[in-house]
């Protein structure tokens, strides 16, 4: 058998001693690589995992879960093989060029994966901080990944074809249009992400309202090309990132940070129920807790005015008089000022809007002391429950379209006659 191999090597003009040296070098490279693999993967990585599981520290767990250490270990193995190849194999060996080419590709690949894993760890870590929630971190990291991938592709091609990266880069200009077409959305998304971050326009957790895309809910993710919004009905709307720059949207973050949520709702009053209040009504309303001071002050003010101007008050349209709708507005304003869940340091008013064919609109404009949706709706409902209940005390009626019972009553009264 030994004679057969010697004759075979002689037939191909290969020196026996040189072949033996190559075999020994390859065997040494394989042996050392196996030892290093066992040490790193069966020793170091297992020890690191044990320490992380024992420490229960979150950031260490995230660091290991991203397979960063596994990729670094494989990267180290490639570097060690490259060093061994340069040490044990001569420059004119064919095996040397093949091994260095494969190992070069190996190093570039796992260097890229290591960097990707590190960026994933940074993404996870920053998302746990306020700064990370205020910035489109995921979009920025995805942009960096694209850049790293492009650079790695050039290096990959350089090693594979044995050409300098600069030579390959010189032909990149001709491919610019193609890259602009292929990566249009990532480029627009990256620019949009930078603008959103620089201007602090949007962050994860904000309440976003964008009717054009059917979005009304909380932002749950900001990536390189899209923004995900979980609507209040639990559906998810995906919006192109650049649309947030080119189109308008409403961010309710200011409301949340202010600590007050606006109530802006009106009630329609039947215009035929509005009238001047007489002495009996004045006496009755003056016993109301919120109107006692108001009625006393206004009565004195009106009385002094009418006396100074010699007004004949036997006619209702002469001089100044109190109205039931004006007293109702004053009551609502004092009621809101005394309400424990209404902010007194924000705008608070009760105003009369222009009348329509439906009636006279009285609007309440104020802010609650909470921004939580359920609590806000409860406060608003309680206020209007009270409003509807006290309207009859002012001899005012709600304006509403006739209902079936109204028509039945009208029909019965007609037939009874």
Protein backbone atom coordinates (compact mmCIF):
# COMPACT_ATOMS: atom_id res chain seq x y z
CA UNK A 1 0.00 0.00 0.00
CA UNK A 2 2.81 2.39 0.90
CA UNK A 3 4.56 1.54 -2.39
CA UNK A 4 1.33 2.27 -4.29
CA UNK A 5 1.05 5.78 -2.78
CA UNK A 6 4.74 6.48 -3.52
CA UNK A 7 4.28 5.42 -7.16
CA UNK A 8 1.11 7.56 -7.39
CA UNK A 9 2.89 10.64 -6.06
CA UNK A 10 5.86 10.02 -8.36
CA UNK A 11 3.48 9.72 -11.33
CA UNK A 12 2.10 13.23 -10.60
CA UNK A 13 5.56 14.70 -9.82
CA UNK A 14 4.73 15.26 -6.14
CA UNK A 15 7.56 14.97 -3.65
CA UNK A 16 6.83 12.46 -0.92
CA UNK A 17 8.39 14.56 1.82
CA UNK A 18 6.46 17.65 0.76
CA UNK A 19 3.21 15.69 0.69
CA UNK A 20 3.88 14.34 4.15
CA UNK A 21 4.52 17.88 5.42
CA UNK A 22 1.22 19.07 3.97
CA UNK A 23 -0.65 16.14 5.52
CA UNK A 24 0.96 16.80 8.88
CA UNK A 25 0.10 20.51 8.66
CA UNK A 26 -3.50 19.76 7.76
CA UNK A 27 -3.75 17.20 10.54
CA UNK A 28 -2.34 19.70 13.02
CA UNK A 29 -4.79 22.40 11.86
CA UNK A 30 -7.76 20.01 12.18
CA UNK A 31 -6.62 18.75 15.59
CA UNK A 32 -6.11 22.22 17.05
CA UNK A 33 -9.42 23.39 15.56
CA UNK A 34 -11.26 20.46 17.19
CA UNK A 35 -9.62 21.17 20.55
CA UNK A 36 -10.51 24.87 20.35
CA UNK A 37 -14.09 24.01 19.34
CA UNK A 38 -14.48 21.70 22.33
CA UNK A 39 -12.94 24.25 24.71
CA UNK A 40 -15.13 27.10 23.48
CA UNK A 41 -18.45 25.31 22.97
CA UNK A 42 -18.26 22.62 25.63
CA UNK A 43 -16.35 24.65 28.16
CA UNK A 44 -16.47 28.44 27.92
CA UNK A 45 -20.01 28.80 26.55
CA UNK A 46 -21.44 26.25 28.97
CA UNK A 47 -19.75 28.06 31.86
CA UNK A 48 -21.09 31.44 30.67
CA UNK A 49 -24.62 30.02 30.39
CA UNK A 50 -24.36 28.55 33.88
CA UNK A 51 -23.23 31.88 35.32
CA UNK A 52 -26.04 33.77 33.53
CA UNK A 53 -28.72 31.32 34.70
CA UNK A 54 -27.41 31.57 38.24
CA UNK A 55 -27.16 35.38 38.34
CA UNK A 56 -30.72 36.02 37.01
CA UNK A 57 -29.60 39.40 35.65
CA UNK A 58 -31.82 40.42 32.73
CA UNK A 59 -29.25 42.11 30.51
CA UNK A 60 -26.89 39.12 30.76
CA UNK A 61 -29.71 36.80 29.76
CA UNK A 62 -30.51 39.02 26.74
CA UNK A 63 -26.83 39.05 25.82
CA UNK A 64 -26.65 35.24 25.77
CA UNK A 65 -30.03 34.68 24.17
CA UNK A 66 -28.97 36.66 21.09
CA UNK A 67 -26.31 33.99 20.32
CA UNK A 68 -23.64 36.67 20.42
CA UNK A 69 -21.15 34.41 22.23
CA UNK A 70 -21.79 31.50 19.84
CA UNK A 71 -21.03 33.67 16.82
CA UNK A 72 -17.94 35.13 18.46
CA UNK A 73 -16.71 31.62 19.28
CA UNK A 74 -17.10 30.54 15.64
CA UNK A 75 -15.38 33.76 14.54
CA UNK A 76 -12.43 32.99 16.83
CA UNK A 77 -12.18 29.48 15.37
CA UNK A 78 -11.95 30.89 11.86
CA UNK A 79 -9.25 33.36 12.88
CA UNK A 80 -7.26 30.56 14.57
CA UNK A 81 -7.51 28.37 11.43
CA UNK A 82 -6.28 31.30 9.29
CA UNK A 83 -3.30 31.84 11.61
CA UNK A 84 -2.46 28.14 11.57
CA UNK A 85 -2.69 28.00 7.78
CA UNK A 86 -0.18 30.83 7.46
CA UNK A 87 2.13 29.12 9.98
CA UNK A 88 2.08 25.52 8.83
CA UNK A 89 1.54 25.74 5.06
CA UNK A 90 4.00 27.27 2.60
CA UNK A 91 3.03 30.19 0.38
CA UNK A 92 3.14 28.08 -2.80
CA UNK A 93 0.81 25.39 -1.43
CA UNK A 94 -2.49 24.99 -3.28
CA UNK A 95 -4.19 23.93 -0.06
CA UNK A 96 -3.16 27.20 1.57
CA UNK A 97 -5.05 29.37 -0.95
CA UNK A 98 -8.18 27.22 -0.76
CA UNK A 99 -8.21 27.14 3.03
CA UNK A 100 -7.55 30.89 3.34
CA UNK A 101 -10.36 31.64 0.89
CA UNK A 102 -12.87 29.46 2.76
CA UNK A 103 -11.72 30.75 6.13
CA UNK A 104 -11.90 34.36 4.87
CA UNK A 105 -15.52 33.84 3.88
CA UNK A 106 -16.12 32.14 7.24
CA UNK A 107 -14.66 35.10 9.17
CA UNK A 108 -16.67 37.70 7.22
CA UNK A 109 -19.90 35.73 7.67
CA UNK A 110 -19.61 35.21 11.42
CA UNK A 111 -18.25 38.72 11.96
CA UNK A 112 -21.43 40.01 10.33
CA UNK A 113 -23.63 37.68 12.42
CA UNK A 114 -21.78 38.74 15.58
CA UNK A 115 -22.42 42.37 14.79
CA UNK A 116 -26.08 41.61 14.04
CA UNK A 117 -26.41 39.84 17.39
CA UNK A 118 -24.77 42.78 19.17
CA UNK A 119 -27.18 45.19 17.49
CA UNK A 120 -30.12 43.00 18.56
CA UNK A 121 -28.88 43.15 22.14
CA UNK A 122 -28.56 46.94 21.92
CA UNK A 123 -32.11 47.11 20.50
CA UNK A 124 -33.53 45.02 23.33
CA UNK A 125 -31.59 46.94 25.99
CA UNK A 126 -32.59 50.39 24.66
CA UNK A 127 -36.25 49.43 24.39
CA UNK A 128 -36.24 48.99 28.16
CA UNK A 129 -35.21 52.64 28.67
CA UNK A 130 -37.11 55.89 28.20
CA UNK A 131 -34.60 57.11 25.61
CA UNK A 132 -35.14 53.96 23.56
CA UNK A 133 -38.92 54.37 23.71
CA UNK A 134 -38.67 57.99 22.57
CA UNK A 135 -36.47 57.14 19.56
CA UNK A 136 -37.10 54.85 16.57
CA UNK A 137 -34.27 52.56 17.69
CA UNK A 138 -35.40 49.57 15.66
CA UNK A 139 -35.43 51.56 12.43
CA UNK A 140 -31.94 52.94 13.05
CA UNK A 141 -30.57 49.50 13.91
CA UNK A 142 -32.14 47.98 10.80
CA UNK A 143 -30.49 50.72 8.74
CA UNK A 144 -27.11 49.87 10.29
CA UNK A 145 -27.71 46.20 9.51
CA UNK A 146 -28.32 47.02 5.85
CA UNK A 147 -25.07 49.00 5.71
CA UNK A 148 -23.16 46.17 7.41
CA UNK A 149 -24.67 43.64 5.00
CA UNK A 150 -23.62 45.72 1.97
CA UNK A 151 -20.06 46.08 3.30
CA UNK A 152 -19.92 42.35 4.09
CA UNK A 153 -21.15 41.56 0.57
CA UNK A 154 -18.31 43.59 -0.94
CA UNK A 155 -15.75 41.87 1.30
CA UNK A 156 -17.31 38.49 0.52
CA UNK A 157 -16.99 39.10 -3.23
CA UNK A 158 -13.47 40.46 -2.75
CA UNK A 159 -12.28 37.30 -0.99
CA UNK A 160 -14.12 34.99 -3.37
CA UNK A 161 -12.74 36.56 -6.54
CA UNK A 162 -9.40 37.61 -5.12
CA UNK A 163 -9.93 41.27 -6.05
CA UNK A 164 -9.49 44.40 -3.98
CA UNK A 165 -12.73 45.82 -2.47
CA UNK A 166 -11.83 49.17 -4.00
CA UNK A 167 -11.99 47.70 -7.49
CA UNK A 168 -15.42 46.26 -6.79
CA UNK A 169 -16.49 49.53 -5.19
CA UNK A 170 -15.57 51.45 -8.34
CA UNK A 171 -18.35 49.63 -10.18
CA UNK A 172 -20.85 50.40 -7.48
CA UNK A 173 -21.73 53.73 -9.05
CA UNK A 174 -23.38 52.00 -11.99
CA UNK A 175 -25.56 50.02 -9.57
CA UNK A 176 -26.72 53.07 -7.59
CA UNK A 177 -29.99 53.35 -9.52
CA UNK A 178 -30.71 49.67 -8.91
CA UNK A 179 -30.00 49.99 -5.18
CA UNK A 180 -32.18 53.11 -4.99
CA UNK A 181 -35.03 51.16 -6.56
CA UNK A 182 -34.58 48.04 -4.44
CA UNK A 183 -34.03 49.87 -1.15
CA UNK A 184 -36.46 52.74 -1.74
CA UNK A 185 -38.68 51.94 1.24
CA UNK A 186 -35.78 51.36 3.68
CA UNK A 187 -34.15 54.64 2.59
CA UNK A 188 -37.39 56.59 2.94
CA UNK A 189 -38.08 54.82 6.24
CA UNK A 190 -34.62 55.67 7.56
CA UNK A 191 -35.02 59.34 6.65
CA UNK A 192 -38.49 59.36 8.23
CA UNK A 193 -37.12 57.68 11.37
CA UNK A 194 -34.40 60.29 11.73
CA UNK A 195 -36.94 63.12 11.34
CA UNK A 196 -39.38 61.51 13.78
CA UNK A 197 -36.58 61.08 16.30
CA UNK A 198 -34.98 64.50 15.83
CA UNK A 199 -38.32 66.31 16.14
CA UNK A 200 -39.65 63.96 18.85
CA UNK A 201 -42.81 63.47 16.82
CA UNK A 202 -43.57 59.87 17.77
CA UNK A 203 -42.41 57.10 20.09
CA UNK A 204 -43.57 53.64 21.16
CA UNK A 205 -46.54 53.84 23.49
CA UNK A 206 -47.95 57.09 22.05
CA UNK A 207 -51.61 57.33 21.12
CA UNK A 208 -51.64 57.86 17.34
CA UNK A 209 -54.70 58.86 15.33
CA UNK A 210 -54.46 58.77 11.52
CA UNK A 211 -57.89 58.38 9.89
CA UNK A 212 -56.43 58.05 6.38
CA UNK A 213 -54.97 54.66 7.34
CA UNK A 214 -57.69 53.70 9.81
CA UNK A 215 -55.27 54.01 12.74
CA UNK A 216 -56.50 55.01 16.19
CA UNK A 217 -54.59 53.43 19.05
CA UNK A 218 -51.21 52.91 20.70
CA UNK A 219 -47.94 52.66 18.76
CA UNK A 220 -46.44 49.23 19.49
CA UNK A 221 -43.50 49.17 17.08
CA UNK A 222 -41.46 51.59 14.96
CA UNK A 223 -39.29 49.78 12.42
CA UNK A 224 -37.26 50.90 9.44
CA UNK A 225 -40.14 50.86 6.97
CA UNK A 226 -43.34 50.60 9.02
CA UNK A 227 -45.08 51.81 12.16
CA UNK A 228 -47.48 49.38 13.85
CA UNK A 229 -50.49 50.73 15.71
CA UNK A 230 -52.71 48.57 17.89
CA UNK A 231 -56.17 50.10 17.59
CA UNK A 232 -58.54 50.22 20.54
CA UNK A 233 -60.54 47.38 19.00
CA UNK A 234 -57.32 45.30 19.23
CA UNK A 235 -56.75 45.25 15.46
CA UNK A 236 -53.31 46.25 14.19
CA UNK A 237 -52.76 48.86 11.50
CA UNK A 238 -49.44 49.07 9.65
CA UNK A 239 -48.45 52.51 8.35
CA UNK A 240 -45.44 53.26 6.08
CA UNK A 241 -42.91 55.22 8.13
CA UNK A 242 -42.48 57.89 5.49
CA UNK A 243 -46.28 58.48 5.48
CA UNK A 244 -45.92 60.01 8.94
CA UNK A 245 -43.71 62.69 7.40
CA UNK A 246 -45.62 63.28 4.18
CA UNK A 247 -49.11 63.16 5.77
CA UNK A 248 -50.55 64.67 8.93
CA UNK A 249 -51.42 62.67 12.04
CA UNK A 250 -52.57 63.37 15.58
CA UNK A 251 -50.38 62.39 18.53
CA UNK A 252 -52.23 62.39 21.85
CA UNK A 253 -49.01 62.33 23.85
CA UNK A 254 -49.44 65.98 24.88
CA UNK A 255 -52.81 65.16 26.42
CA UNK A 256 -51.35 62.23 28.33
CA UNK A 257 -48.42 64.26 29.65
CA UNK A 258 -50.65 67.17 30.68
CA UNK A 259 -52.61 64.92 33.04
CA UNK A 260 -55.98 66.28 31.89
CA UNK A 261 -58.40 65.05 29.23
CA UNK A 262 -60.89 67.40 27.62
CA UNK A 263 -64.64 67.19 27.93
CA UNK A 264 -66.29 69.02 25.06
CA UNK A 265 -69.91 67.99 24.82
CA UNK A 266 -73.13 69.90 24.41
CA UNK A 267 -76.79 69.44 25.26
CA UNK A 268 -79.65 70.75 23.09
CA UNK A 269 -82.30 72.86 24.85
CA UNK A 270 -85.79 73.29 23.49
CA UNK A 271 -85.98 77.00 22.60
CA UNK A 272 -89.67 77.17 23.54
CA UNK A 273 -88.82 76.37 27.18
CA UNK A 274 -86.58 79.45 27.59
CA UNK A 275 -88.18 82.31 29.58
CA UNK A 276 -87.62 85.01 32.23
CA UNK A 277 -87.77 83.57 35.72
CA UNK A 278 -90.46 84.97 38.05
CA UNK A 279 -90.27 85.64 41.77
CA UNK A 280 -91.29 82.09 42.74
CA UNK A 281 -88.62 80.59 40.50
CA UNK A 282 -86.05 83.08 41.77
CA UNK A 283 -86.83 82.14 45.36
CA UNK A 284 -86.62 78.43 44.52
CA UNK A 285 -83.30 78.73 42.69
CA UNK A 286 -81.80 80.93 45.43
CA UNK A 287 -82.08 77.91 47.76
CA UNK A 288 -79.79 75.92 45.45
CA UNK A 289 -76.34 75.47 46.95
CA UNK A 290 -74.39 76.43 43.83
CA UNK A 291 -76.71 79.34 42.91
CA UNK A 292 -77.35 80.99 46.27
CA UNK A 293 -74.63 83.62 45.92
CA UNK A 294 -75.12 84.01 42.18
CA UNK A 295 -78.88 84.64 42.38
CA UNK A 296 -78.49 87.12 45.24
CA UNK A 297 -75.78 89.05 43.41
CA UNK A 298 -77.58 89.10 40.04
CA UNK A 299 -80.92 90.12 41.58
CA UNK A 300 -79.27 93.07 43.32
CA UNK A 301 -77.40 94.00 40.16
CA UNK A 302 -80.54 93.87 37.99
CA UNK A 303 -82.59 95.76 40.58
CA UNK A 304 -80.04 98.58 40.87
CA UNK A 305 -79.80 98.87 37.10
CA UNK A 306 -83.55 99.05 36.61
CA UNK A 307 -83.92 101.65 39.37
CA UNK A 308 -81.11 103.82 38.05
CA UNK A 309 -82.62 103.79 34.57
CA UNK A 310 -86.24 104.22 35.74
CA UNK A 311 -87.33 101.00 34.09
CA UNK A 312 -91.03 100.14 34.14
CA UNK A 313 -90.84 96.50 35.21
CA UNK A 314 -94.54 95.87 34.74
CA UNK A 315 -93.66 94.88 31.19
CA UNK A 316 -91.40 91.82 30.99
CA UNK A 317 -89.42 93.09 28.01
CA UNK A 318 -88.37 96.27 29.81
CA UNK A 319 -85.05 96.43 31.63
CA UNK A 320 -82.91 93.49 32.69
CA UNK A 321 -84.20 90.18 34.03
CA UNK A 322 -82.83 86.77 34.89
CA UNK A 323 -83.53 83.90 32.51
CA UNK A 324 -83.78 80.23 33.28
CA UNK A 325 -81.20 79.31 30.64
CA UNK A 326 -78.72 81.90 31.98
CA UNK A 327 -79.20 80.63 35.51
CA UNK A 328 -78.72 77.09 34.20
CA UNK A 329 -75.37 78.06 32.63
CA UNK A 330 -74.27 79.68 35.89
CA UNK A 331 -75.29 76.57 37.82
CA UNK A 332 -73.30 74.27 35.53
CA UNK A 333 -70.21 76.46 35.81
CA UNK A 334 -70.32 76.47 39.62
CA UNK A 335 -71.04 72.74 39.59
CA UNK A 336 -67.92 72.06 37.50
CA UNK A 337 -65.78 74.33 39.69
CA UNK A 338 -66.84 72.30 42.72
CA UNK A 339 -66.39 68.91 41.02
CA UNK A 340 -63.47 66.98 42.53
CA UNK A 341 -62.47 65.34 39.22
CA UNK A 342 -62.33 68.52 37.11
CA UNK A 343 -59.04 70.42 36.71
CA UNK A 344 -59.31 74.02 37.92
CA UNK A 345 -55.96 75.04 36.41
CA UNK A 346 -57.14 74.33 32.87
CA UNK A 347 -59.79 75.95 30.68
CA UNK A 348 -63.26 75.62 32.22
CA UNK A 349 -66.38 77.22 30.79
CA UNK A 350 -70.02 76.67 29.94
CA UNK A 351 -70.99 78.44 26.74
CA UNK A 352 -73.95 78.85 24.43
CA UNK A 353 -73.33 77.88 20.82
CA UNK A 354 -75.20 79.32 17.83
CA UNK A 355 -78.76 77.97 17.76
CA UNK A 356 -79.90 75.59 15.05
CA UNK A 357 -83.23 74.17 13.93
CA UNK A 358 -82.64 71.41 16.48
CA UNK A 359 -82.47 73.76 19.47
CA UNK A 360 -80.13 75.87 21.60
CA UNK A 361 -76.81 74.17 22.28
CA UNK A 362 -75.20 74.54 25.72
CA UNK A 363 -71.62 73.23 25.67
CA UNK A 364 -69.48 72.12 28.59
CA UNK A 365 -65.76 72.68 28.04
CA UNK A 366 -63.43 71.45 30.79
CA UNK A 367 -60.69 68.90 31.61
CA UNK A 368 -60.79 65.87 33.87
CA UNK A 369 -57.96 65.11 36.30
CA UNK A 370 -57.28 61.74 34.65
CA UNK A 371 -56.42 60.64 31.12
CA UNK A 372 -57.44 57.00 31.58
CA UNK A 373 -60.20 56.24 29.09
CA UNK A 374 -62.55 54.28 31.39
CA UNK A 375 -62.23 56.77 34.27
CA UNK A 376 -62.66 59.72 31.88
CA UNK A 377 -65.85 58.28 30.39
CA UNK A 378 -67.21 57.60 33.88
CA UNK A 379 -66.62 61.20 35.00
CA UNK A 380 -68.13 62.62 31.82
CA UNK A 381 -71.21 60.39 32.09
CA UNK A 382 -71.75 61.33 35.75
CA UNK A 383 -71.66 65.03 34.89
CA UNK A 384 -74.22 64.69 32.11
CA UNK A 385 -76.40 62.38 34.19
CA UNK A 386 -76.62 65.20 36.71
CA UNK A 387 -77.16 67.79 33.97
CA UNK A 388 -80.17 65.98 32.50
CA UNK A 389 -81.61 65.42 35.97
CA UNK A 390 -81.49 69.12 37.03
CA UNK A 391 -82.89 70.55 33.77
CA UNK A 392 -86.54 70.33 34.95
CA UNK A 393 -85.61 72.39 38.04
CA UNK A 394 -85.00 75.30 35.65
CA UNK A 395 -88.18 74.54 33.67
CA UNK A 396 -86.05 73.72 30.64
CA UNK A 397 -86.65 70.89 28.22
CA UNK A 398 -84.35 68.78 26.10
CA UNK A 399 -84.77 69.29 22.38
CA UNK A 400 -85.28 66.00 20.58
CA UNK A 401 -87.04 64.63 17.53
CA UNK A 402 -90.57 63.25 18.08
CA UNK A 403 -90.66 59.57 19.01
CA UNK A 404 -93.27 56.87 18.53
CA UNK A 405 -94.79 57.57 21.96
CA UNK A 406 -95.18 61.26 21.04
CA UNK A 407 -97.14 60.37 17.92
CA UNK A 408 -99.28 57.89 19.84
CA UNK A 409 -100.09 60.50 22.49
CA UNK A 410 -100.95 63.04 19.81
CA UNK A 411 -103.15 60.52 18.05
CA UNK A 412 -104.95 59.56 21.28
CA UNK A 413 -105.57 63.18 22.22
CA UNK A 414 -106.91 63.86 18.72
CA UNK A 415 -109.37 60.96 18.86
CA UNK A 416 -110.43 61.78 22.42
CA UNK A 417 -111.71 65.11 21.18
